[in-house]
């Protein structure tokens, strides 16, 4: 599976709650900083940086969506 998003692209990140459940909070806007190697199960990973806070995360592609 190839990466869908590009470096420097703005995306929405859906926070996950306990045990991987989707959180009820709002979607946060992040910028793709880098593409990372695939997870063991083949899911693409990314390093993302918040547009509003000084936070970086490593997430899988299924947690991201395109900004409208």
Protein backbone atom coordinates (compact mmCIF):
# COMPACT_ATOMS: atom_id res chain seq x y z
CA UNK A 1 0.00 0.00 0.00
CA UNK A 2 1.43 3.39 -0.98
CA UNK A 3 1.23 6.63 0.97
CA UNK A 4 -1.80 8.76 0.01
CA UNK A 5 -0.70 12.09 1.51
CA UNK A 6 2.29 14.26 0.57
CA UNK A 7 4.83 16.08 2.72
CA UNK A 8 3.64 19.64 3.61
CA UNK A 9 -0.01 18.71 2.93
CA UNK A 10 -2.57 19.83 5.53
CA UNK A 11 -4.75 17.02 6.90
CA UNK A 12 -7.34 16.44 9.59
CA UNK A 13 -6.43 14.05 12.41
CA UNK A 14 -9.12 12.15 14.32
CA UNK A 15 -7.95 11.66 17.89
CA UNK A 16 -8.40 8.19 19.33
CA UNK A 17 -9.75 7.50 22.77
CA UNK A 18 -8.93 4.62 25.11
CA UNK A 19 -8.26 1.26 23.46
CA UNK A 20 -8.26 2.78 19.97
CA UNK A 21 -11.86 4.01 20.04
CA UNK A 22 -12.53 7.16 18.06
CA UNK A 23 -12.50 10.17 20.36
CA UNK A 24 -15.46 12.49 20.57
CA UNK A 25 -13.34 15.63 20.22
CA UNK A 26 -13.15 17.73 17.11
CA UNK A 27 -10.82 16.99 14.22
CA UNK A 28 -7.50 18.80 14.46
CA UNK A 29 -5.54 20.28 11.54
CA UNK A 30 -1.97 19.03 11.10
CA UNK A 31 0.72 19.28 8.43
CA UNK A 32 2.50 16.18 7.11
CA UNK A 33 6.16 16.52 8.17
CA UNK A 34 7.41 13.20 6.75
CA UNK A 35 6.35 9.84 5.41
CA UNK A 36 7.50 6.92 7.54
CA UNK A 37 7.97 3.22 6.77
CA UNK A 38 4.86 1.04 6.66
CA UNK A 39 3.50 -0.61 9.81
CA UNK A 40 3.96 -4.38 10.06
CA UNK A 41 0.42 -4.83 8.73
CA UNK A 42 1.13 -2.62 5.68
CA UNK A 43 -0.54 0.62 6.85
CA UNK A 44 1.32 3.80 5.84
CA UNK A 45 2.58 5.99 8.71
CA UNK A 46 3.27 9.72 8.88
CA UNK A 47 4.86 12.24 11.23
CA UNK A 48 2.45 15.18 11.56
CA UNK A 49 2.73 18.59 13.25
CA UNK A 50 -0.17 20.56 14.71
CA UNK A 51 -1.01 23.90 13.08
CA UNK A 52 -2.22 25.35 16.41
CA UNK A 53 -0.06 23.71 19.08
CA UNK A 54 3.60 22.73 19.43
CA UNK A 55 2.82 19.01 19.04
CA UNK A 56 4.13 16.35 16.66
CA UNK A 57 2.67 12.84 16.37
CA UNK A 58 3.27 9.64 14.48
CA UNK A 59 -0.01 8.30 13.09
CA UNK A 60 -1.27 5.75 10.61
CA UNK A 61 -3.05 6.83 7.46
CA UNK A 62 -6.44 5.57 8.66
CA UNK A 63 -6.43 8.34 11.31
CA UNK A 64 -6.13 11.08 8.67
CA UNK A 65 -8.45 12.72 6.16
CA UNK A 66 -8.07 15.50 3.62
CA UNK A 67 -8.97 19.06 4.57
CA UNK A 68 -12.05 20.30 2.76
